[in-house]
N, C-alpha and C. Protein backbone atom coordinates (compact mmCIF):
# COMPACT_ATOMS: atom_id res chain seq x y z
N MET A 1 -40.37 -45.35 15.24
CA MET A 1 -40.69 -44.62 16.09
C MET A 1 -42.59 -44.45 15.57
N LYS A 2 -43.33 -44.58 16.75
CA LYS A 2 -44.30 -43.61 16.50
C LYS A 2 -45.41 -42.89 17.55
N ILE A 3 -45.68 -41.70 17.33
CA ILE A 3 -46.06 -40.81 18.67
C ILE A 3 -47.83 -41.58 19.10
N THR A 4 -48.31 -41.67 19.80
CA THR A 4 -49.51 -41.73 19.98
C THR A 4 -50.13 -41.08 21.04
N ASN A 5 -51.47 -40.65 21.28
CA ASN A 5 -52.01 -40.03 22.50
C ASN A 5 -53.22 -40.41 22.59
N ASN A 6 -53.22 -41.65 21.89
CA ASN A 6 -54.83 -42.39 22.41
C ASN A 6 -54.20 -43.87 22.45
N TYR A 7 -54.03 -43.99 23.92
CA TYR A 7 -54.38 -45.49 24.32
C TYR A 7 -55.69 -46.43 23.66
N GLN A 8 -56.03 -45.99 23.23
CA GLN A 8 -57.16 -47.12 22.49
C GLN A 8 -56.76 -47.81 21.23
N LEU A 9 -54.89 -46.76 20.69
CA LEU A 9 -54.31 -47.42 19.42
C LEU A 9 -53.38 -47.96 20.76
N LEU A 10 -52.82 -47.95 21.15
CA LEU A 10 -52.05 -48.26 21.64
C LEU A 10 -52.12 -49.70 21.95
N ASN A 11 -53.02 -49.85 22.74
CA ASN A 11 -53.40 -51.46 22.67
C ASN A 11 -53.98 -52.42 21.48
N GLU A 12 -53.95 -51.49 20.33
CA GLU A 12 -54.62 -51.99 19.26
C GLU A 12 -53.06 -52.83 18.34
N LYS A 13 -52.20 -51.36 19.09
CA LYS A 13 -51.16 -51.68 18.13
C LYS A 13 -50.63 -53.50 19.45
N ILE A 14 -50.29 -53.25 19.78
CA ILE A 14 -50.02 -53.93 21.03
C ILE A 14 -51.12 -55.78 20.84
N LEU A 15 -51.32 -55.37 20.38
CA LEU A 15 -52.37 -56.01 20.41
C LEU A 15 -52.09 -56.29 19.37
N ASN A 16 -51.97 -55.80 17.87
CA ASN A 16 -51.17 -56.75 16.60
C ASN A 16 -50.11 -57.40 16.35
N HIS A 17 -48.89 -56.39 18.03
CA HIS A 17 -47.94 -57.12 18.06
C HIS A 17 -47.75 -58.62 18.36
N TYR A 18 -48.80 -58.48 19.19
CA TYR A 18 -49.10 -59.84 20.02
C TYR A 18 -49.42 -61.15 19.40
N ILE A 19 -50.13 -60.95 18.65
CA ILE A 19 -51.03 -61.95 17.77
C ILE A 19 -50.17 -62.28 16.19
N SER A 20 -49.20 -60.97 15.51
CA SER A 20 -48.38 -61.29 14.74
C SER A 20 -47.30 -61.86 15.24
N SER A 21 -46.82 -61.71 16.20
CA SER A 21 -45.61 -62.20 16.53
C SER A 21 -45.40 -63.39 16.64
N GLY A 22 -46.10 -64.58 17.30
CA GLY A 22 -46.74 -65.75 16.57
C GLY A 22 -46.13 -66.51 17.77
N LYS A 23 -45.60 -65.73 18.93
CA LYS A 23 -45.67 -66.24 20.57
C LYS A 23 -45.90 -66.45 21.30
N ASP A 24 -45.96 -67.43 22.35
CA ASP A 24 -47.00 -67.29 23.97
C ASP A 24 -47.03 -66.36 24.14
N ILE A 25 -45.78 -66.01 24.47
CA ILE A 25 -45.67 -64.68 25.66
C ILE A 25 -45.42 -63.52 25.26
N ILE A 26 -45.43 -61.95 25.01
CA ILE A 26 -44.88 -61.10 25.27
C ILE A 26 -44.14 -59.74 25.87
N LEU A 27 -43.42 -59.43 25.78
CA LEU A 27 -42.69 -58.43 27.16
C LEU A 27 -42.79 -56.88 26.38
N ILE A 28 -43.02 -56.18 27.20
CA ILE A 28 -43.31 -54.67 26.90
C ILE A 28 -43.02 -53.58 28.03
N SER A 29 -42.01 -53.06 27.75
CA SER A 29 -41.49 -52.48 29.02
C SER A 29 -41.43 -51.08 28.91
N ILE A 30 -42.41 -50.39 29.80
CA ILE A 30 -42.71 -48.64 29.47
C ILE A 30 -42.29 -47.93 30.47
N GLY A 31 -41.42 -47.09 30.14
CA GLY A 31 -40.34 -46.24 30.51
C GLY A 31 -40.95 -44.68 30.38
N GLY A 32 -40.21 -44.17 31.55
CA GLY A 32 -40.49 -42.48 31.06
C GLY A 32 -40.73 -41.80 32.76
N LEU A 33 -40.39 -40.95 32.86
CA LEU A 33 -39.72 -39.70 33.87
C LEU A 33 -40.87 -40.37 35.39
N SER A 34 -40.33 -40.17 36.01
CA SER A 34 -41.78 -40.65 37.45
C SER A 34 -42.55 -39.63 37.42
N CYS A 35 -43.91 -40.13 37.90
CA CYS A 35 -45.44 -39.65 37.87
C CYS A 35 -45.96 -38.04 36.00
N SER A 36 -45.31 -39.51 35.82
CA SER A 36 -45.93 -39.85 33.86
C SER A 36 -46.36 -40.04 33.46
N GLY A 37 -47.93 -40.87 34.35
CA GLY A 37 -48.55 -42.01 34.33
C GLY A 37 -47.72 -43.39 33.49
N LYS A 38 -46.71 -43.78 34.37
CA LYS A 38 -46.15 -45.54 33.92
C LYS A 38 -47.71 -46.43 34.26
N SER A 39 -48.53 -46.27 35.69
CA SER A 39 -48.37 -47.21 36.10
C SER A 39 -50.14 -46.95 35.89
N THR A 40 -51.22 -45.50 35.69
CA THR A 40 -52.16 -46.09 35.54
C THR A 40 -52.16 -46.32 33.87
N LEU A 41 -51.10 -46.52 32.80
CA LEU A 41 -51.11 -47.03 31.53
C LEU A 41 -51.33 -48.23 31.84
N SER A 42 -49.98 -48.85 32.47
CA SER A 42 -50.12 -50.49 32.43
C SER A 42 -51.46 -50.42 33.40
N LYS A 43 -52.29 -50.09 33.85
CA LYS A 43 -53.69 -50.35 34.59
C LYS A 43 -54.50 -50.44 32.75
N ASN A 44 -54.30 -49.63 32.40
CA ASN A 44 -55.64 -49.34 31.40
C ASN A 44 -55.37 -50.52 30.95
N ILE A 45 -53.91 -50.70 30.16
CA ILE A 45 -53.81 -51.91 29.18
C ILE A 45 -54.34 -53.44 29.30
N ASN A 46 -53.99 -53.91 31.03
CA ASN A 46 -54.32 -54.49 31.73
C ASN A 46 -56.30 -54.46 31.48
N ASP A 47 -56.41 -54.13 31.95
CA ASP A 47 -57.84 -53.73 31.60
C ASP A 47 -57.92 -54.32 30.19
N TYR A 48 -57.51 -53.79 28.76
CA TYR A 48 -58.22 -53.87 27.43
C TYR A 48 -58.20 -55.24 27.34
N PHE A 49 -56.42 -56.44 27.93
CA PHE A 49 -56.69 -57.55 27.23
C PHE A 49 -57.35 -58.46 28.47
N SER A 50 -57.69 -57.56 29.46
CA SER A 50 -58.46 -58.55 30.22
C SER A 50 -60.30 -58.88 29.96
N VAL A 51 -60.37 -58.14 29.10
CA VAL A 51 -61.78 -58.13 28.98
C VAL A 51 -61.72 -58.93 27.58
N LYS A 52 -60.37 -58.72 27.08
CA LYS A 52 -59.98 -59.78 25.66
C LYS A 52 -59.69 -61.32 25.90
N ASN A 53 -59.79 -61.27 27.01
CA ASN A 53 -59.05 -62.73 28.19
C ASN A 53 -57.86 -62.88 27.02
N ILE A 54 -57.18 -62.39 26.86
CA ILE A 54 -56.07 -62.09 27.03
C ILE A 54 -55.04 -61.92 28.45
N LEU A 55 -54.34 -63.05 28.57
CA LEU A 55 -53.94 -63.11 30.44
C LEU A 55 -52.68 -61.61 29.71
N CYS A 56 -52.82 -61.25 30.56
CA CYS A 56 -51.84 -60.00 31.16
C CYS A 56 -50.84 -59.92 32.92
N ARG A 57 -49.96 -59.30 33.51
CA ARG A 57 -49.33 -59.50 34.17
C ARG A 57 -47.68 -57.56 34.44
N THR A 58 -48.08 -57.27 35.43
CA THR A 58 -47.16 -56.52 35.28
C THR A 58 -46.11 -56.67 36.74
N ILE A 59 -45.45 -56.03 35.81
CA ILE A 59 -44.03 -56.47 37.07
C ILE A 59 -43.44 -54.75 37.14
N HIS A 60 -43.84 -54.66 38.21
CA HIS A 60 -43.70 -53.23 38.81
C HIS A 60 -41.82 -52.86 39.49
N LEU A 61 -40.79 -52.14 38.77
CA LEU A 61 -39.40 -52.42 39.25
C LEU A 61 -39.17 -51.78 40.85
N ASP A 62 -39.86 -50.39 41.33
CA ASP A 62 -39.90 -49.98 42.04
C ASP A 62 -39.58 -50.17 43.69
N ASN A 63 -39.89 -51.76 42.94
CA ASN A 63 -40.16 -53.22 44.09
C ASN A 63 -39.01 -53.81 43.85
N TRP A 64 -37.52 -52.86 43.05
CA TRP A 64 -36.20 -53.13 43.56
C TRP A 64 -35.42 -51.63 43.65
N ILE A 65 -36.20 -50.68 43.81
CA ILE A 65 -35.36 -49.44 44.36
C ILE A 65 -34.40 -49.83 46.13
N ILE A 66 -33.00 -49.17 45.88
CA ILE A 66 -32.43 -50.18 46.94
C ILE A 66 -33.19 -48.64 48.01
N ASP A 67 -32.76 -49.42 49.18
CA ASP A 67 -33.02 -48.55 50.52
C ASP A 67 -32.36 -47.72 50.78
N LEU A 68 -32.66 -46.21 50.67
CA LEU A 68 -32.21 -44.55 50.92
C LEU A 68 -30.94 -45.01 52.10
N ASP A 69 -30.65 -45.67 52.71
CA ASP A 69 -29.71 -46.00 53.65
C ASP A 69 -27.97 -46.65 53.29
N LYS A 70 -28.96 -47.14 51.41
CA LYS A 70 -27.44 -47.75 50.97
C LYS A 70 -27.72 -47.63 49.97
N ARG A 71 -27.98 -46.18 49.85
CA ARG A 71 -27.29 -45.27 48.59
C ARG A 71 -26.73 -45.10 48.82
N THR A 72 -25.58 -44.27 47.50
CA THR A 72 -24.19 -42.87 47.64
C THR A 72 -25.03 -41.36 47.57
N GLU A 73 -24.63 -40.97 48.46
CA GLU A 73 -24.87 -39.05 48.42
C GLU A 73 -25.10 -38.68 47.39
N PHE A 74 -24.45 -38.72 46.58
CA PHE A 74 -24.49 -38.27 45.37
C PHE A 74 -25.25 -38.73 44.03
N GLY A 75 -25.97 -40.15 44.16
CA GLY A 75 -25.84 -40.69 43.58
C GLY A 75 -27.20 -40.34 42.69
N THR A 76 -27.55 -41.17 40.90
CA THR A 76 -28.17 -40.20 39.88
C THR A 76 -29.23 -41.84 39.75
N VAL A 77 -30.23 -41.30 39.26
CA VAL A 77 -31.51 -42.50 39.80
C VAL A 77 -31.00 -43.87 39.42
N ARG A 78 -29.97 -43.76 38.39
CA ARG A 78 -29.47 -45.22 37.76
C ARG A 78 -28.74 -45.84 39.53
N GLU A 79 -28.42 -45.09 40.23
CA GLU A 79 -28.03 -45.96 41.37
C GLU A 79 -28.96 -46.46 42.38
N ARG A 80 -29.75 -45.65 42.32
CA ARG A 80 -31.40 -46.13 43.04
C ARG A 80 -32.00 -47.39 42.79
N PHE A 81 -31.33 -47.87 41.82
CA PHE A 81 -32.24 -48.87 41.87
C PHE A 81 -31.44 -50.21 41.20
N ASP A 82 -31.62 -51.62 41.31
CA ASP A 82 -30.40 -53.12 41.39
C ASP A 82 -30.99 -53.17 40.02
N TYR A 83 -30.42 -52.72 39.01
CA TYR A 83 -30.44 -53.12 38.16
C TYR A 83 -30.43 -54.56 37.87
N ASN A 84 -28.69 -55.16 37.87
CA ASN A 84 -28.55 -56.98 37.78
C ASN A 84 -29.71 -57.42 38.56
N GLY A 85 -30.44 -57.02 39.20
CA GLY A 85 -31.29 -57.90 40.59
C GLY A 85 -32.86 -58.39 39.59
N ILE A 86 -33.02 -57.06 38.55
CA ILE A 86 -34.70 -56.29 38.07
C ILE A 86 -34.10 -57.64 36.25
N VAL A 87 -32.56 -57.78 35.75
CA VAL A 87 -32.18 -58.72 34.75
C VAL A 87 -33.01 -59.52 35.40
N ASP A 88 -31.78 -60.01 36.39
CA ASP A 88 -32.16 -61.88 36.43
C ASP A 88 -33.20 -62.32 36.95
N GLN A 89 -34.03 -61.52 37.80
CA GLN A 89 -36.11 -61.83 38.40
C GLN A 89 -36.54 -61.75 36.73
N VAL A 90 -36.84 -60.87 36.20
CA VAL A 90 -37.20 -60.56 34.47
C VAL A 90 -37.19 -61.59 33.75
N THR A 91 -35.93 -62.10 33.62
CA THR A 91 -35.19 -63.14 33.36
C THR A 91 -35.56 -64.75 33.31
N LYS A 92 -35.70 -64.85 34.60
CA LYS A 92 -35.87 -65.73 35.09
C LYS A 92 -37.88 -65.85 34.96
N TYR A 93 -38.45 -64.44 34.91
CA TYR A 93 -39.63 -64.76 34.93
C TYR A 93 -40.22 -65.51 33.55
N ILE A 94 -39.79 -64.87 32.48
CA ILE A 94 -39.62 -64.99 31.10
C ILE A 94 -39.56 -66.78 30.68
N GLN A 95 -39.04 -66.86 31.50
CA GLN A 95 -38.22 -69.03 31.82
C GLN A 95 -39.53 -70.11 32.60
N GLY A 96 -40.43 -68.61 33.15
CA GLY A 96 -41.82 -69.69 33.95
C GLY A 96 -41.50 -70.11 35.22
N GLN A 97 -40.15 -69.08 36.06
CA GLN A 97 -40.25 -68.36 37.19
C GLN A 97 -40.88 -67.46 38.55
N LYS A 98 -41.88 -67.69 39.11
CA LYS A 98 -42.42 -66.42 39.80
C LYS A 98 -41.58 -66.01 40.40
N ILE A 99 -41.47 -64.03 39.83
CA ILE A 99 -40.65 -62.89 40.51
C ILE A 99 -40.89 -63.36 42.40
N VAL A 100 -40.43 -63.13 43.20
CA VAL A 100 -40.14 -62.84 44.66
C VAL A 100 -39.46 -62.60 45.29
N THR A 101 -39.01 -60.79 45.74
CA THR A 101 -38.82 -60.12 46.61
C THR A 101 -39.41 -59.00 47.44
N PHE A 102 -39.12 -58.86 48.09
CA PHE A 102 -39.37 -57.32 49.18
C PHE A 102 -39.71 -56.50 48.58
N SER A 103 -41.44 -55.97 49.39
CA SER A 103 -42.04 -55.15 48.18
C SER A 103 -40.87 -53.55 48.79
N TYR A 104 -40.96 -52.65 48.09
CA TYR A 104 -40.54 -51.10 48.88
C TYR A 104 -41.54 -50.55 49.46
N ASN A 105 -41.37 -49.59 50.33
CA ASN A 105 -42.33 -49.02 50.54
C ASN A 105 -41.85 -47.37 50.56
N SER A 106 -42.29 -46.57 49.36
CA SER A 106 -42.45 -45.37 49.78
C SER A 106 -42.38 -44.27 50.14
N GLN A 107 -42.85 -44.72 51.00
CA GLN A 107 -42.66 -43.73 52.34
C GLN A 107 -41.84 -44.08 53.33
N LEU A 108 -41.54 -45.29 53.59
CA LEU A 108 -40.62 -45.42 54.21
C LEU A 108 -38.82 -45.27 53.75
N ARG A 109 -39.47 -45.22 52.64
CA ARG A 109 -38.20 -45.38 51.96
C ARG A 109 -37.15 -46.47 51.86
N LYS A 110 -37.59 -47.76 52.02
CA LYS A 110 -37.06 -48.74 52.38
C LYS A 110 -38.02 -50.25 52.44
N LYS A 111 -36.92 -51.66 51.77
CA LYS A 111 -37.86 -52.56 51.85
C LYS A 111 -38.72 -53.40 53.22
N THR A 112 -39.16 -53.87 52.49
CA THR A 112 -39.82 -54.27 54.44
C THR A 112 -40.25 -55.16 53.79
N LYS A 113 -40.78 -56.39 55.26
CA LYS A 113 -40.90 -57.82 55.12
C LYS A 113 -42.02 -58.39 54.37
N LYS A 114 -42.91 -57.59 54.13
CA LYS A 114 -43.87 -57.42 52.75
C LYS A 114 -43.31 -57.97 51.29
N LYS A 115 -43.66 -59.63 51.28
CA LYS A 115 -43.07 -60.23 50.11
C LYS A 115 -43.60 -59.35 48.71
N TYR A 116 -42.93 -59.44 47.86
CA TYR A 116 -43.92 -58.74 46.63
C TYR A 116 -43.38 -59.88 45.62
N VAL A 117 -44.61 -60.26 44.73
CA VAL A 117 -45.04 -61.88 44.32
C VAL A 117 -45.79 -61.57 43.10
N VAL A 118 -45.30 -62.33 41.93
CA VAL A 118 -46.08 -62.30 40.63
C VAL A 118 -45.75 -62.95 39.91
N GLU A 119 -46.84 -64.05 40.14
CA GLU A 119 -47.24 -65.85 39.07
C GLU A 119 -46.94 -65.52 38.00
N PRO A 120 -46.31 -66.89 37.71
CA PRO A 120 -45.50 -66.49 36.26
C PRO A 120 -46.73 -66.93 35.47
N ILE A 121 -46.85 -67.21 33.60
CA ILE A 121 -47.50 -67.23 32.95
C ILE A 121 -47.17 -68.32 32.09
N ARG A 122 -48.34 -68.73 30.83
CA ARG A 122 -47.74 -69.69 29.96
C ARG A 122 -47.83 -68.98 28.79
N LYS A 123 -48.70 -68.07 28.68
CA LYS A 123 -49.66 -67.37 27.65
C LYS A 123 -49.26 -66.06 28.01
N GLY A 124 -49.27 -65.21 27.30
CA GLY A 124 -49.82 -63.98 27.61
C GLY A 124 -49.18 -62.63 27.29
N ILE A 125 -49.24 -61.50 28.12
CA ILE A 125 -48.65 -60.24 28.28
C ILE A 125 -47.90 -59.90 29.26
N ILE A 126 -46.74 -60.02 29.01
CA ILE A 126 -45.76 -59.40 30.33
C ILE A 126 -45.94 -57.41 30.35
N LEU A 127 -46.21 -57.42 31.25
CA LEU A 127 -45.85 -55.63 31.39
C LEU A 127 -45.01 -55.07 32.43
N VAL A 128 -43.75 -54.32 32.22
CA VAL A 128 -42.42 -54.37 32.93
C VAL A 128 -42.37 -52.28 32.52
N GLU A 129 -42.81 -51.51 34.11
CA GLU A 129 -43.46 -50.69 33.61
C GLU A 129 -42.16 -49.97 34.74
N GLY A 130 -41.52 -48.67 34.76
CA GLY A 130 -40.43 -48.40 35.68
C GLY A 130 -39.98 -46.85 35.27
N VAL A 131 -39.19 -46.19 35.90
CA VAL A 131 -38.96 -44.96 35.03
C VAL A 131 -37.55 -45.28 34.63
N ILE A 132 -36.20 -46.72 35.13
CA ILE A 132 -35.44 -46.83 34.22
C ILE A 132 -35.40 -48.17 33.61
N CYS A 133 -36.94 -48.03 32.92
CA CYS A 133 -36.51 -49.34 32.09
C CYS A 133 -36.26 -49.21 30.68
N LEU A 134 -35.65 -47.81 30.16
CA LEU A 134 -35.24 -48.17 28.85
C LEU A 134 -33.50 -48.10 29.35
N ASP A 135 -33.89 -47.65 30.50
CA ASP A 135 -32.15 -47.31 30.53
C ASP A 135 -31.74 -48.86 30.15
N ILE A 136 -32.23 -49.79 30.87
CA ILE A 136 -31.07 -51.33 31.20
C ILE A 136 -30.96 -52.27 29.87
N PRO A 137 -29.71 -52.01 29.38
CA PRO A 137 -29.90 -52.55 28.11
C PRO A 137 -30.49 -54.25 27.60
N LYS A 138 -29.89 -54.79 28.85
CA LYS A 138 -30.52 -55.97 28.67
C LYS A 138 -31.54 -56.71 29.29
N LEU A 139 -32.35 -55.42 29.24
CA LEU A 139 -33.98 -56.06 29.42
C LEU A 139 -34.49 -55.27 27.92
N ARG A 140 -34.03 -54.29 27.49
CA ARG A 140 -34.36 -53.96 26.20
C ARG A 140 -34.19 -54.58 25.06
N ASN A 141 -33.36 -55.51 25.78
CA ASN A 141 -32.81 -56.77 24.08
C ASN A 141 -33.71 -57.85 25.14
N LEU A 142 -34.48 -57.76 25.70
CA LEU A 142 -35.88 -58.93 26.69
C LEU A 142 -37.15 -58.64 26.66
N SER A 143 -37.40 -57.20 25.43
CA SER A 143 -38.90 -56.68 25.36
C SER A 143 -38.89 -56.60 23.77
N ASP A 144 -39.89 -57.41 23.97
CA ASP A 144 -40.78 -57.09 22.30
C ASP A 144 -41.32 -55.48 21.54
N LEU A 145 -41.15 -54.76 22.90
CA LEU A 145 -41.71 -53.39 22.76
C LEU A 145 -41.45 -53.29 23.58
N LEU A 146 -41.14 -51.22 22.93
CA LEU A 146 -40.27 -50.67 24.14
C LEU A 146 -41.71 -49.07 23.84
N VAL A 147 -41.83 -48.50 24.49
CA VAL A 147 -42.78 -47.85 25.28
C VAL A 147 -42.59 -46.41 26.14
N PHE A 148 -42.33 -45.43 25.65
CA PHE A 148 -41.73 -44.69 26.52
C PHE A 148 -42.95 -43.15 26.46
N ILE A 149 -43.44 -43.01 28.12
CA ILE A 149 -44.75 -42.14 28.63
C ILE A 149 -43.76 -40.24 28.69
N ARG A 150 -44.68 -39.69 27.55
CA ARG A 150 -44.30 -38.82 28.23
C ARG A 150 -45.49 -37.56 28.60
N THR A 151 -45.28 -36.20 28.77
CA THR A 151 -46.21 -35.68 29.42
C THR A 151 -45.90 -34.94 30.27
N SER A 152 -46.72 -33.15 30.09
CA SER A 152 -46.32 -32.33 30.40
C SER A 152 -45.75 -32.01 31.98
N GLU A 153 -44.71 -30.68 31.72
CA GLU A 153 -43.59 -30.36 32.79
C GLU A 153 -44.91 -30.74 33.99
N TYR A 154 -45.43 -29.41 33.79
CA TYR A 154 -46.61 -28.46 34.60
C TYR A 154 -47.61 -29.84 35.34
N GLU A 155 -48.32 -30.93 34.45
CA GLU A 155 -48.93 -31.96 34.69
C GLU A 155 -48.07 -32.74 35.77
N ARG A 156 -46.71 -33.23 35.44
CA ARG A 156 -45.46 -34.25 36.55
C ARG A 156 -45.66 -32.84 38.03
N PHE A 157 -44.81 -31.95 37.48
CA PHE A 157 -45.43 -31.57 39.04
C PHE A 157 -46.10 -31.33 40.38
N LYS A 158 -47.31 -31.10 39.28
CA LYS A 158 -48.55 -31.39 40.28
C LYS A 158 -48.49 -32.86 40.60
N ARG A 159 -48.59 -33.99 39.84
CA ARG A 159 -48.70 -35.49 40.73
C ARG A 159 -47.33 -35.31 41.58
N PHE A 160 -46.05 -35.15 40.92
CA PHE A 160 -44.51 -34.82 42.26
C PHE A 160 -44.83 -34.76 44.12
N ILE A 161 -45.61 -33.55 43.59
CA ILE A 161 -46.10 -33.46 45.14
C ILE A 161 -47.34 -33.41 45.82
N GLU A 162 -48.54 -33.68 44.91
CA GLU A 162 -49.20 -34.53 45.58
C GLU A 162 -48.95 -36.23 46.51
N PHE A 163 -48.19 -36.75 45.37
CA PHE A 163 -47.55 -37.88 45.98
C PHE A 163 -46.79 -37.91 46.91
N ASN A 164 -45.97 -36.80 46.80
CA ASN A 164 -45.27 -36.61 48.52
C ASN A 164 -45.40 -36.15 49.22
N ARG A 165 -46.95 -35.17 49.40
CA ARG A 165 -47.45 -34.89 50.24
C ARG A 165 -48.09 -35.73 51.17
N TYR A 166 -48.89 -35.94 50.02
CA TYR A 166 -50.53 -37.65 51.15
C TYR A 166 -49.33 -38.60 51.28
N VAL A 167 -48.41 -39.24 49.97
CA VAL A 167 -48.23 -40.76 50.15
C VAL A 167 -46.95 -41.02 51.14
N LYS A 168 -45.84 -39.69 50.26
CA LYS A 168 -44.88 -40.07 51.22
C LYS A 168 -45.23 -39.21 52.71
N LYS A 169 -45.70 -38.53 52.40
CA LYS A 169 -45.86 -37.43 54.15
C LYS A 169 -44.64 -36.54 54.40
N ILE A 170 -44.83 -36.00 52.78
CA ILE A 170 -43.61 -34.61 53.04
C ILE A 170 -43.74 -33.32 53.38
N ASN A 171 -43.75 -32.46 54.04
CA ASN A 171 -43.83 -31.39 53.92
C ASN A 171 -43.98 -31.03 52.64
N LEU A 172 -44.52 -29.61 52.51
CA LEU A 172 -44.66 -29.03 50.80
C LEU A 172 -43.07 -28.71 50.29
N GLU A 173 -42.06 -27.72 51.23
CA GLU A 173 -41.10 -27.29 51.49
C GLU A 173 -39.94 -28.37 51.12
N ARG A 174 -40.19 -28.99 51.47
CA ARG A 174 -38.60 -30.55 50.50
C ARG A 174 -39.31 -31.67 49.89
N CYS A 175 -40.62 -31.00 49.46
CA CYS A 175 -41.19 -32.00 48.02
C CYS A 175 -40.65 -31.24 46.72
N LYS A 176 -40.01 -29.45 46.83
CA LYS A 176 -40.03 -28.72 46.46
C LYS A 176 -38.46 -29.10 45.95
N GLU A 177 -37.65 -28.95 47.00
CA GLU A 177 -36.78 -30.26 46.82
C GLU A 177 -36.28 -30.74 45.77
N LEU A 178 -37.35 -31.63 46.31
CA LEU A 178 -37.00 -33.30 46.00
C LEU A 178 -37.11 -33.01 44.43
N TYR A 179 -37.80 -32.30 44.06
CA TYR A 179 -38.51 -31.55 42.32
C TYR A 179 -36.55 -32.04 41.90
N GLU A 180 -36.73 -30.07 42.44
CA GLU A 180 -35.45 -30.15 41.82
C GLU A 180 -34.68 -30.69 41.86
N GLN A 181 -34.20 -31.23 42.97
CA GLN A 181 -33.09 -32.69 42.20
C GLN A 181 -33.14 -33.21 41.54
N ARG A 182 -34.57 -34.23 41.65
CA ARG A 182 -34.56 -35.21 40.45
C ARG A 182 -34.89 -34.31 38.94
N GLN A 183 -35.00 -33.37 38.72
CA GLN A 183 -34.72 -32.71 37.90
C GLN A 183 -32.92 -32.55 37.34
N LYS A 184 -32.95 -33.19 38.43
CA LYS A 184 -30.58 -32.76 37.80
C LYS A 184 -30.40 -34.52 37.70
N ASP A 185 -30.89 -35.32 38.37
CA ASP A 185 -30.08 -36.57 39.07
C ASP A 185 -31.36 -37.39 38.38
N GLU A 186 -32.46 -37.19 37.48
CA GLU A 186 -32.84 -37.80 36.95
C GLU A 186 -33.87 -37.99 35.40
N LEU A 187 -34.23 -36.44 35.41
CA LEU A 187 -34.62 -35.50 34.42
C LEU A 187 -33.90 -36.30 32.78
N PRO A 188 -32.54 -35.51 33.28
CA PRO A 188 -31.11 -35.68 32.01
C PRO A 188 -31.23 -37.13 31.00
N PHE A 189 -31.26 -38.21 32.48
CA PHE A 189 -31.09 -39.76 32.66
C PHE A 189 -32.29 -40.11 31.40
N ILE A 190 -33.08 -40.43 31.89
CA ILE A 190 -34.61 -40.82 32.05
C ILE A 190 -35.23 -40.10 30.12
N ASN A 191 -34.76 -39.06 30.23
CA ASN A 191 -35.32 -38.33 28.50
C ASN A 191 -34.31 -38.98 27.95
N SER A 192 -32.40 -39.23 28.04
CA SER A 192 -32.36 -39.69 27.00
C SER A 192 -32.62 -41.13 26.24
N THR A 193 -33.49 -41.69 27.34
CA THR A 193 -33.70 -42.87 26.66
C THR A 193 -34.87 -43.12 25.54
N GLU A 194 -35.73 -41.83 25.60
CA GLU A 194 -36.31 -42.26 24.82
C GLU A 194 -36.35 -42.52 23.09
N ILE A 195 -34.67 -42.85 22.76
CA ILE A 195 -34.39 -42.87 21.52
C ILE A 195 -34.67 -44.48 21.56
N TYR A 196 -34.86 -44.89 22.35
CA TYR A 196 -34.85 -46.48 22.10
C TYR A 196 -36.36 -46.79 22.19
N SER A 197 -36.99 -46.23 22.57
CA SER A 197 -38.77 -46.87 22.21
C SER A 197 -39.07 -46.94 20.81
N ASP A 198 -39.84 -48.01 20.88
CA ASP A 198 -41.08 -47.95 19.37
C ASP A 198 -42.11 -47.38 19.53
N ILE A 199 -42.50 -46.84 20.94
CA ILE A 199 -44.28 -46.19 20.66
C ILE A 199 -43.57 -45.11 21.51
N ILE A 200 -44.19 -43.78 21.29
CA ILE A 200 -43.55 -42.66 22.28
C ILE A 200 -45.52 -43.00 22.62
N TYR A 201 -46.24 -43.04 24.02
CA TYR A 201 -46.97 -42.43 24.94
C TYR A 201 -47.19 -40.86 24.90
N GLU A 202 -47.86 -40.18 24.26
CA GLU A 202 -48.10 -39.09 24.98
C GLU A 202 -49.31 -38.78 26.01
N ASN A 203 -49.25 -38.91 27.27
CA ASN A 203 -50.23 -38.57 28.23
C ASN A 203 -50.21 -37.36 29.06
């Protein structure tokens, strides 16, 4: 397990792994707590490989969040995601099929009629990013590299409040309640997945 806080070095590590693998396609799973910077890191990796003319696709696992009204009242982060649906779609994607599902709207907290589509690639890098990425055994087995993101709790708290206030339009007190709830039903489960990572990126 290697630890880095330099995304340039991380990108070079991924590039070297891609070249040395001899594969047309490699899959990289990026996990970590909510608001830790997974989407931002995925974009940085994507931009890096675009400059090098290496095709890169990102699969955002938030689109497999289960609608709020279909969840159990006391479920953990594991019950908020459709694990089987994720494995099924990612497996088919690696085999050359495009991903088609319905987009999840974080403000409405349910699926919409808008389709989420990821076109397949024959050569390049597939990034899968989501809170529960490293918690899904079959997804770990499909992955060539596992990356876990760490960030300071202060920074994560700040991002969490901003996201829920300005994207989900939730009042401040409710945001704080949600944060405390996530500390119980998400933090211990997701932090425990760090042990599976090949690389820890300190954000």
